[in-house]
């Protein structure tokens, strides 16, 4: 008999929690936590993450504020991205609803709620999970049908269940983290945590603490012990992004982890065991770094046993139009989609996108904000691509703005707020 789907219920009200556990237990395997600490502990102990989470915003120590509930949602969204979070709370004013959605919640139900409605909404989200795309479709945001991308997906599936580290190389903005996420999703570890640590974002001392954790009193300000990314990743996957920027002393410690699984929290002498699969990504040539003495040769050989290359967008010509549609539709619910005429489309296909997919996405966002619902011609797109700035191009852009002025009911303040909101989003 197939086991019931797991549902995490986080609510400090004992009566509500017990009632909901009783009501939902005929369809779900319900786990109950009264606060954030219990929630985190339950998740660590679970063999697999819950498919659904029902979270109250008002949790201890201050049940009149949504801070703890939002922190629970953010924790779930970060460490268990496949878990769908539904908020069930009496704190249902608009600002709290928006905060919950920004933190990662997919739905908000106000207390008191109708039991039949609650069950129906949970069933809808469970159904959505069961009908999400298979790994044959666009997983983890890797959009494309070019030969280079098809080869990459095939290689990822071949390496997914290997216990050895994988080095992912590619230019900045090409999607290395997406490839890492895809590899994790395709692997036997796919239902466990996937964490990313940017090695270029911290100095040496702080980076060591982020990687391995620290003991209480290990340094000034360490008022309590803290687990690092290796410990938090558990039996999941840890991606070390920009690994070329890892300091030499930490490279030696990382090599030790890769060779025998041992590491030490900062300030501790008791060894701990790492169980996570390690992936590494770099937009720099690690062999050049080895030749220049900035990267250990033994670590390079340990990391590069298996290697993936993320192709730059200039090698994926047929994907440029697909990516245009993909990102345009992503923001279509906020702004009316723009169109490119034939000349602009030819220019789009011809452009190299030196910043790769990240640059393409930012251009789509910019065009959506500036020209919602408009048909963009080649001179305007040429300006947005940064190829040339001419009076003629500015005149075409001015014509678009002039046309907007003629729309009945035009209000400049509303227009400015719309553009500002689009840029922020």
Protein backbone atom coordinates (compact mmCIF):
# COMPACT_ATOMS: atom_id res chain seq x y z
CA UNK A 1 0.00 0.00 0.00
CA UNK A 2 1.37 3.39 -0.99
CA UNK A 3 2.29 5.59 2.00
CA UNK A 4 0.40 8.82 2.61
CA UNK A 5 2.13 12.04 1.52
CA UNK A 6 3.97 13.80 4.34
CA UNK A 7 2.59 17.12 5.59
CA UNK A 8 4.39 19.39 8.06
CA UNK A 9 2.10 21.42 10.36
CA UNK A 10 3.70 24.35 12.22
CA UNK A 11 1.32 25.97 14.74
CA UNK A 12 1.80 26.83 18.42
CA UNK A 13 -1.91 26.63 19.29
CA UNK A 14 -2.28 23.13 20.78
CA UNK A 15 -6.03 22.90 20.15
CA UNK A 16 -5.73 23.98 16.50
CA UNK A 17 -2.71 21.75 15.91
CA UNK A 18 -4.38 18.66 17.40
CA UNK A 19 -7.61 19.34 15.53
CA UNK A 20 -5.86 19.76 12.18
CA UNK A 21 -3.71 16.69 12.78
CA UNK A 22 -6.86 14.65 13.41
CA UNK A 23 -8.74 16.10 10.43
CA UNK A 24 -5.87 15.67 7.95
CA UNK A 25 -4.46 12.36 9.16
CA UNK A 26 -6.85 10.34 6.97
CA UNK A 27 -5.11 11.72 3.84
CA UNK A 28 -1.63 12.75 5.04
CA UNK A 29 1.16 11.65 7.31
CA UNK A 30 1.12 14.72 9.56
CA UNK A 31 4.13 15.92 11.55
CA UNK A 32 3.51 18.74 14.06
CA UNK A 33 5.90 21.44 15.31
CA UNK A 34 5.04 24.29 17.69
CA UNK A 35 7.86 26.69 16.76
CA UNK A 36 10.78 27.20 14.40
CA UNK A 37 13.29 25.18 16.44
CA UNK A 38 10.99 22.14 16.54
CA UNK A 39 10.31 22.53 12.84
CA UNK A 40 14.02 22.53 11.94
CA UNK A 41 14.66 19.51 14.17
CA UNK A 42 11.74 17.58 12.64
CA UNK A 43 13.05 18.28 9.16
CA UNK A 44 16.55 17.09 10.06
CA UNK A 45 15.19 13.83 11.48
CA UNK A 46 12.90 13.09 8.53
CA UNK A 47 14.02 10.51 5.99
CA UNK A 48 12.45 12.54 3.19
CA UNK A 49 11.17 16.15 3.19
CA UNK A 50 7.41 16.80 3.46
CA UNK A 51 5.61 17.42 0.19
CA UNK A 52 3.38 20.05 1.84
CA UNK A 53 3.81 22.40 4.79
CA UNK A 54 1.00 24.25 6.60
CA UNK A 55 2.55 27.16 8.51
CA UNK A 56 1.12 29.73 10.92
CA UNK A 57 2.78 33.15 10.86
CA UNK A 58 2.31 33.96 14.56
CA UNK A 59 4.82 31.68 16.28
CA UNK A 60 6.74 31.98 19.59
CA UNK A 61 8.41 33.92 21.05
CA UNK A 62 6.21 36.78 19.78
CA UNK A 63 2.97 35.37 18.37
CA UNK A 64 1.68 38.85 17.51
CA UNK A 65 4.33 39.33 14.82
CA UNK A 66 4.86 37.28 11.62
CA UNK A 67 8.67 37.17 11.89
CA UNK A 68 9.05 33.58 13.09
CA UNK A 69 6.51 32.21 10.63
CA UNK A 70 8.24 34.00 7.76
CA UNK A 71 11.58 32.60 8.95
CA UNK A 72 10.11 29.07 8.81
CA UNK A 73 8.88 29.68 5.25
CA UNK A 74 12.30 31.03 4.18
CA UNK A 75 14.02 28.00 5.75
CA UNK A 76 11.75 25.62 3.87
CA UNK A 77 12.15 27.54 0.61
CA UNK A 78 15.94 27.56 0.90
CA UNK A 79 16.64 24.02 2.10
CA UNK A 80 13.56 22.13 0.84
CA UNK A 81 12.58 23.88 -2.42
CA UNK A 82 10.30 21.02 -3.52
CA UNK A 83 8.07 21.40 -0.43
CA UNK A 84 4.97 23.51 -1.14
CA UNK A 85 4.29 25.93 1.71
CA UNK A 86 0.72 26.99 2.47
CA UNK A 87 0.17 29.66 5.14
CA UNK A 88 -2.75 29.22 7.56
CA UNK A 89 -2.87 32.31 9.73
CA UNK A 90 -5.08 34.94 11.30
CA UNK A 91 -2.51 37.60 10.38
CA UNK A 92 -4.10 38.07 6.99
CA UNK A 93 -3.56 41.71 6.12
CA UNK A 94 -2.16 42.42 2.66
CA UNK A 95 1.42 43.17 3.77
CA UNK A 96 1.71 39.83 5.58
CA UNK A 97 0.30 37.93 2.61
CA UNK A 98 2.80 39.59 0.27
CA UNK A 99 5.67 38.93 2.71
CA UNK A 100 4.71 35.27 2.89
CA UNK A 101 4.65 34.95 -0.90
CA UNK A 102 8.01 36.68 -1.24
CA UNK A 103 9.44 34.28 1.35
CA UNK A 104 8.34 31.27 -0.70
CA UNK A 105 4.72 30.45 0.22
CA UNK A 106 2.47 29.33 -2.64
CA UNK A 107 -0.88 29.97 -0.95
CA UNK A 108 -2.45 31.86 1.98
CA UNK A 109 -5.56 30.72 3.88
CA UNK A 110 -7.02 32.97 6.58
CA UNK A 111 -8.09 31.67 9.99
CA UNK A 112 -10.70 30.58 10.86
CA UNK A 113 -10.97 28.42 7.76
CA UNK A 114 -13.51 26.03 6.32
CA UNK A 115 -12.21 22.47 6.65
CA UNK A 116 -13.55 21.44 3.25
CA UNK A 117 -11.85 24.43 1.60
CA UNK A 118 -8.57 23.69 3.38
CA UNK A 119 -8.61 20.07 2.20
CA UNK A 120 -9.49 21.14 -1.35
CA UNK A 121 -6.65 23.68 -1.48
CA UNK A 122 -4.13 21.16 -0.14
CA UNK A 123 -5.32 18.59 -2.67
CA UNK A 124 -4.84 21.14 -5.48
CA UNK A 125 -1.22 21.72 -4.43
CA UNK A 126 -0.58 18.00 -4.08
CA UNK A 127 -2.00 17.49 -7.58
CA UNK A 128 0.23 20.28 -8.93
CA UNK A 129 3.28 18.55 -7.43
CA UNK A 130 2.32 15.25 -9.05
CA UNK A 131 1.93 16.87 -12.47
CA UNK A 132 5.13 18.94 -12.47
CA UNK A 133 7.42 18.46 -15.50
CA UNK A 134 9.43 15.26 -15.74
CA UNK A 135 13.19 15.31 -16.10
CA UNK A 136 12.72 15.04 -19.85
CA UNK A 137 11.26 18.55 -19.92
CA UNK A 138 12.82 21.86 -18.92
CA UNK A 139 14.20 20.94 -15.50
CA UNK A 140 15.86 23.41 -13.15
CA UNK A 141 15.47 26.27 -15.62
CA UNK A 142 17.74 24.75 -18.32
CA UNK A 143 15.81 25.95 -21.33
CA UNK A 144 17.04 24.93 -24.75
CA UNK A 145 16.99 22.44 -27.58
CA UNK A 146 20.37 23.18 -29.13
CA UNK A 147 22.80 20.35 -29.71
CA UNK A 148 25.09 21.74 -27.00
CA UNK A 149 22.32 21.72 -24.38
CA UNK A 150 21.03 18.27 -25.36
CA UNK A 151 24.58 16.92 -24.99
CA UNK A 152 24.89 18.63 -21.59
CA UNK A 153 21.61 17.10 -20.33
CA UNK A 154 22.71 13.66 -21.50
CA UNK A 155 26.05 14.03 -19.68
CA UNK A 156 24.31 15.22 -16.51
CA UNK A 157 22.04 12.17 -16.45
CA UNK A 158 25.06 9.90 -16.94
CA UNK A 159 26.93 11.49 -13.99
CA UNK A 160 23.95 12.09 -11.69
CA UNK A 161 24.40 9.03 -9.46
CA UNK A 162 28.19 9.07 -9.34
CA UNK A 163 29.62 9.46 -5.79
CA UNK A 164 32.54 11.52 -7.08
CA UNK A 165 32.85 15.33 -7.23
CA UNK A 166 31.88 17.05 -10.47
CA UNK A 167 33.56 20.22 -11.76
CA UNK A 168 31.26 22.49 -13.78
CA UNK A 169 33.11 24.96 -15.99
CA UNK A 170 31.64 27.81 -17.99
CA UNK A 171 31.57 31.54 -18.55
CA UNK A 172 29.89 33.93 -16.15
CA UNK A 173 26.12 33.97 -16.61
CA UNK A 174 26.00 30.73 -18.61
CA UNK A 175 23.98 28.81 -15.99
CA UNK A 176 26.47 26.68 -14.04
CA UNK A 177 24.31 26.68 -10.91
CA UNK A 178 21.32 25.52 -12.98
CA UNK A 179 23.39 22.62 -14.30
CA UNK A 180 24.33 21.73 -10.72
CA UNK A 181 20.69 21.86 -9.63
CA UNK A 182 19.69 19.68 -12.60
CA UNK A 183 22.37 17.13 -11.69
CA UNK A 184 21.08 17.06 -8.08
CA UNK A 185 17.45 16.69 -9.22
CA UNK A 186 18.33 13.76 -11.50
CA UNK A 187 20.30 11.96 -8.78
CA UNK A 188 19.25 9.62 -5.99
CA UNK A 189 19.86 12.60 -3.67
CA UNK A 190 17.20 14.63 -5.46
CA UNK A 191 14.81 14.64 -2.48
CA UNK A 192 17.50 15.97 -0.13
CA UNK A 193 19.05 19.39 0.31
CA UNK A 194 20.84 21.29 -2.42
CA UNK A 195 22.97 24.15 -1.04
CA UNK A 196 25.18 26.67 -2.81
CA UNK A 197 28.11 28.54 -1.23
CA UNK A 198 29.79 31.32 -3.21
CA UNK A 199 33.47 31.09 -2.31
CA UNK A 200 34.12 34.62 -3.60
CA UNK A 201 31.57 36.21 -1.26
CA UNK A 202 33.52 35.80 2.01
CA UNK A 203 37.01 36.43 3.31
CA UNK A 204 39.12 33.46 4.40
CA UNK A 205 38.21 33.27 8.11
CA UNK A 206 34.49 33.78 7.53
CA UNK A 207 34.50 31.36 4.61
CA UNK A 208 36.00 28.60 6.79
CA UNK A 209 33.22 29.13 9.33
CA UNK A 210 30.62 29.06 6.56
CA UNK A 211 32.02 25.80 5.19
CA UNK A 212 32.73 23.87 8.38
CA UNK A 213 30.89 25.74 11.15
CA UNK A 214 32.39 26.96 14.42
CA UNK A 215 32.32 26.18 18.13
CA UNK A 216 31.07 28.60 20.76
CA UNK A 217 33.84 31.06 21.67
CA UNK A 218 35.95 30.11 18.63
CA UNK A 219 36.38 33.82 17.85
CA UNK A 220 35.06 37.19 18.97
CA UNK A 221 31.30 37.30 18.50
CA UNK A 222 30.87 33.49 18.36
CA UNK A 223 28.36 33.41 21.21
CA UNK A 224 27.02 30.00 20.21
CA UNK A 225 28.07 27.05 18.08
CA UNK A 226 27.01 27.07 14.45
CA UNK A 227 26.85 24.33 11.83
CA UNK A 228 28.45 24.97 8.43
CA UNK A 229 27.32 24.18 4.90
CA UNK A 230 28.82 20.67 4.94
CA UNK A 231 26.78 19.80 8.02
CA UNK A 232 23.61 21.55 6.79
CA UNK A 233 23.78 19.77 3.42
CA UNK A 234 23.61 16.40 5.20
CA UNK A 235 23.34 13.64 2.59
CA UNK A 236 22.34 16.11 -0.10
CA UNK A 237 24.47 18.13 -2.49
CA UNK A 238 26.80 21.08 -1.83
CA UNK A 239 27.83 23.34 -4.72
CA UNK A 240 31.01 25.37 -4.18
CA UNK A 241 30.56 28.22 -6.64
CA UNK A 242 33.60 30.24 -7.80
CA UNK A 243 35.85 27.58 -6.27
CA UNK A 244 38.92 29.21 -7.86
CA UNK A 245 38.63 31.95 -5.23
CA UNK A 246 39.04 29.51 -2.34
CA UNK A 247 42.14 30.52 -0.27
CA UNK A 248 45.06 28.07 -0.36
CA UNK A 249 44.78 27.10 3.32
CA UNK A 250 41.10 26.22 2.85
CA UNK A 251 41.96 24.30 -0.32
CA UNK A 252 44.03 21.93 1.83
CA UNK A 253 41.10 21.44 4.22
CA UNK A 254 38.67 20.87 1.36
CA UNK A 255 41.05 18.26 -0.08
CA UNK A 256 40.95 16.44 3.26
CA UNK A 257 37.15 16.37 3.15
CA UNK A 258 37.15 14.99 -0.39
CA UNK A 259 39.72 12.30 0.44
CA UNK A 260 38.40 10.92 3.74
CA UNK A 261 35.25 12.89 4.54
CA UNK A 262 36.71 14.52 7.68
CA UNK A 263 36.47 18.15 8.69
CA UNK A 264 36.66 20.20 11.88
CA UNK A 265 34.47 23.01 13.08
CA UNK A 266 36.52 26.14 13.77
CA UNK A 267 37.62 25.93 17.41
CA UNK A 268 36.98 22.18 17.77
CA UNK A 269 39.35 19.20 17.84
CA UNK A 270 36.73 16.50 17.30
CA UNK A 271 36.52 15.43 13.63
CA UNK A 272 33.13 15.35 11.91
CA UNK A 273 32.11 13.37 8.85
CA UNK A 274 30.80 15.02 5.66
CA UNK A 275 28.23 13.04 3.68
CA UNK A 276 27.25 15.54 0.98
CA UNK A 277 28.15 15.17 -2.68
CA UNK A 278 30.47 18.04 -3.60
CA UNK A 279 30.05 19.92 -6.87
CA UNK A 280 32.37 22.78 -7.84
CA UNK A 281 31.86 25.56 -10.38
CA UNK A 282 34.23 28.11 -11.84
CA UNK A 283 34.25 30.68 -14.62
CA UNK A 284 38.06 30.75 -14.47
CA UNK A 285 40.50 28.28 -15.99
CA UNK A 286 41.64 26.21 -13.00
CA UNK A 287 44.65 24.82 -14.87
CA UNK A 288 45.91 28.39 -15.37
CA UNK A 289 45.37 28.98 -11.64
CA UNK A 290 47.40 25.82 -10.91
CA UNK A 291 50.26 27.03 -13.16
CA UNK A 292 50.21 30.41 -11.38
CA UNK A 293 50.33 28.80 -7.94
CA UNK A 294 46.85 30.03 -6.91
CA UNK A 295 45.20 26.61 -6.89
CA UNK A 296 46.47 23.28 -5.59
CA UNK A 297 47.18 20.76 -8.32
CA UNK A 298 46.11 17.80 -6.15
CA UNK A 299 42.79 19.51 -5.39
CA UNK A 300 42.26 20.26 -9.07
CA UNK A 301 42.74 16.60 -10.00
CA UNK A 302 40.40 15.54 -7.16
CA UNK A 303 37.66 17.95 -8.25
CA UNK A 304 37.96 17.33 -11.97
CA UNK A 305 37.57 13.54 -11.97
CA UNK A 306 34.25 14.28 -13.68
CA UNK A 307 33.76 17.51 -15.62
CA UNK A 308 30.84 19.30 -17.25
CA UNK A 309 31.14 22.30 -19.55
CA UNK A 310 28.27 24.80 -19.62
CA UNK A 311 28.16 26.10 -23.22
CA UNK A 312 28.09 29.88 -23.74
CA UNK A 313 25.00 31.33 -25.40
CA UNK A 314 26.89 32.13 -28.61
CA UNK A 315 27.11 28.35 -29.18
CA UNK A 316 23.35 27.95 -28.67
CA UNK A 317 21.89 30.01 -31.51
CA UNK A 318 18.60 28.11 -31.71
CA UNK A 319 18.04 28.68 -27.97
CA UNK A 320 18.04 32.48 -28.11
CA UNK A 321 14.42 32.67 -29.28
CA UNK A 322 13.34 29.99 -26.78
CA UNK A 323 14.95 31.89 -23.92
CA UNK A 324 13.32 35.11 -25.11
CA UNK A 325 9.87 33.48 -24.91
CA UNK A 326 10.69 31.76 -21.61
CA UNK A 327 11.66 34.94 -19.74
CA UNK A 328 9.00 37.05 -21.46
CA UNK A 329 6.29 34.65 -20.26
CA UNK A 330 7.77 34.53 -16.76
CA UNK A 331 6.92 38.21 -16.24
CA UNK A 332 3.80 38.23 -18.41
CA UNK A 333 1.51 38.17 -15.35
CA UNK A 334 2.98 41.48 -14.17
CA UNK A 335 3.48 43.35 -17.45
CA UNK A 336 1.93 42.96 -20.88
CA UNK A 337 4.47 41.17 -23.07
CA UNK A 338 6.39 43.10 -25.73
CA UNK A 339 6.98 41.81 -29.27
CA UNK A 340 9.96 42.03 -31.63
CA UNK A 341 9.32 42.75 -35.29
CA UNK A 342 11.15 40.80 -38.00
CA UNK A 343 14.12 43.17 -38.10
CA UNK A 344 14.51 43.18 -34.33
CA UNK A 345 14.23 39.38 -34.21
CA UNK A 346 17.01 39.05 -36.78
CA UNK A 347 19.15 41.37 -34.65
CA UNK A 348 18.34 39.31 -31.55
CA UNK A 349 19.42 36.07 -33.26
CA UNK A 350 22.64 37.71 -34.49
CA UNK A 351 23.69 39.14 -31.11
CA UNK A 352 26.39 37.18 -29.23
CA UNK A 353 25.17 37.94 -25.65
CA UNK A 354 28.65 38.14 -24.05
CA UNK A 355 26.96 38.05 -20.63
CA UNK A 356 25.20 34.83 -21.67
CA UNK A 357 21.78 33.83 -20.28
CA UNK A 358 22.00 36.30 -17.39
CA UNK A 359 22.44 39.19 -19.84
CA UNK A 360 19.58 37.93 -22.02
CA UNK A 361 17.25 37.72 -19.03
CA UNK A 362 18.14 41.24 -17.87
CA UNK A 363 17.51 42.62 -21.37
CA UNK A 364 14.07 40.97 -21.43
CA UNK A 365 13.24 42.49 -18.04
CA UNK A 366 14.39 45.92 -19.22
CA UNK A 367 12.39 45.73 -22.46
CA UNK A 368 9.31 44.56 -20.56
CA UNK A 369 9.56 47.50 -18.17
CA UNK A 370 10.14 50.13 -20.85
CA UNK A 371 7.90 48.86 -23.66
CA UNK A 372 5.02 46.79 -22.22
CA UNK A 373 2.65 45.65 -24.95
CA UNK A 374 4.71 47.41 -27.64
CA UNK A 375 6.21 46.05 -30.85
CA UNK A 376 9.92 46.84 -30.74
CA UNK A 377 11.79 47.65 -33.94
CA UNK A 378 15.45 46.98 -34.72
CA UNK A 379 16.81 50.51 -33.96
CA UNK A 380 15.33 50.47 -30.45
CA UNK A 381 16.59 46.95 -29.75
CA UNK A 382 20.00 47.94 -31.10
CA UNK A 383 20.18 50.66 -28.47
CA UNK A 384 19.14 48.27 -25.70
CA UNK A 385 21.81 45.79 -26.79
CA UNK A 386 24.38 48.54 -26.48
CA UNK A 387 25.54 48.42 -30.09
CA UNK A 388 25.19 52.12 -30.87
CA UNK A 389 23.47 55.23 -29.55
CA UNK A 390 22.17 57.55 -32.19
CA UNK A 391 19.67 60.38 -32.48
CA UNK A 392 17.59 58.19 -34.79
CA UNK A 393 17.32 55.45 -32.17
CA UNK A 394 16.34 57.95 -29.50
CA UNK A 395 13.71 59.35 -31.85
CA UNK A 396 12.13 55.91 -32.28
CA UNK A 397 12.04 55.46 -28.50
CA UNK A 398 10.53 58.92 -28.14
CA UNK A 399 7.77 57.91 -30.57
CA UNK A 400 6.84 55.02 -28.27
CA UNK A 401 6.60 57.31 -25.25
CA UNK A 402 4.68 59.89 -27.27
CA UNK A 403 2.16 57.20 -28.26
CA UNK A 404 1.68 56.28 -24.59
CA UNK A 405 0.78 59.91 -23.83
CA UNK A 406 -2.20 59.67 -26.19
CA UNK A 407 -3.78 56.74 -24.30
CA UNK A 408 -7.06 57.92 -22.64
CA UNK A 409 -6.67 58.35 -18.89
CA UNK A 410 -2.85 58.55 -19.03
CA UNK A 411 -1.42 59.50 -15.62
CA UNK A 412 2.28 60.25 -15.28
CA UNK A 413 2.45 59.28 -11.60
CA UNK A 414 0.85 55.91 -12.34
CA UNK A 415 3.26 55.38 -15.24
CA UNK A 416 6.30 56.20 -13.09
CA UNK A 417 5.13 53.85 -10.34
CA UNK A 418 4.59 51.06 -12.89
CA UNK A 419 8.07 51.46 -14.36
CA UNK A 420 9.65 51.69 -10.90
CA UNK A 421 7.85 48.54 -9.73
CA UNK A 422 8.89 46.66 -12.87
CA UNK A 423 12.54 47.57 -12.38
CA UNK A 424 12.44 46.55 -8.70
CA UNK A 425 10.84 43.21 -9.56
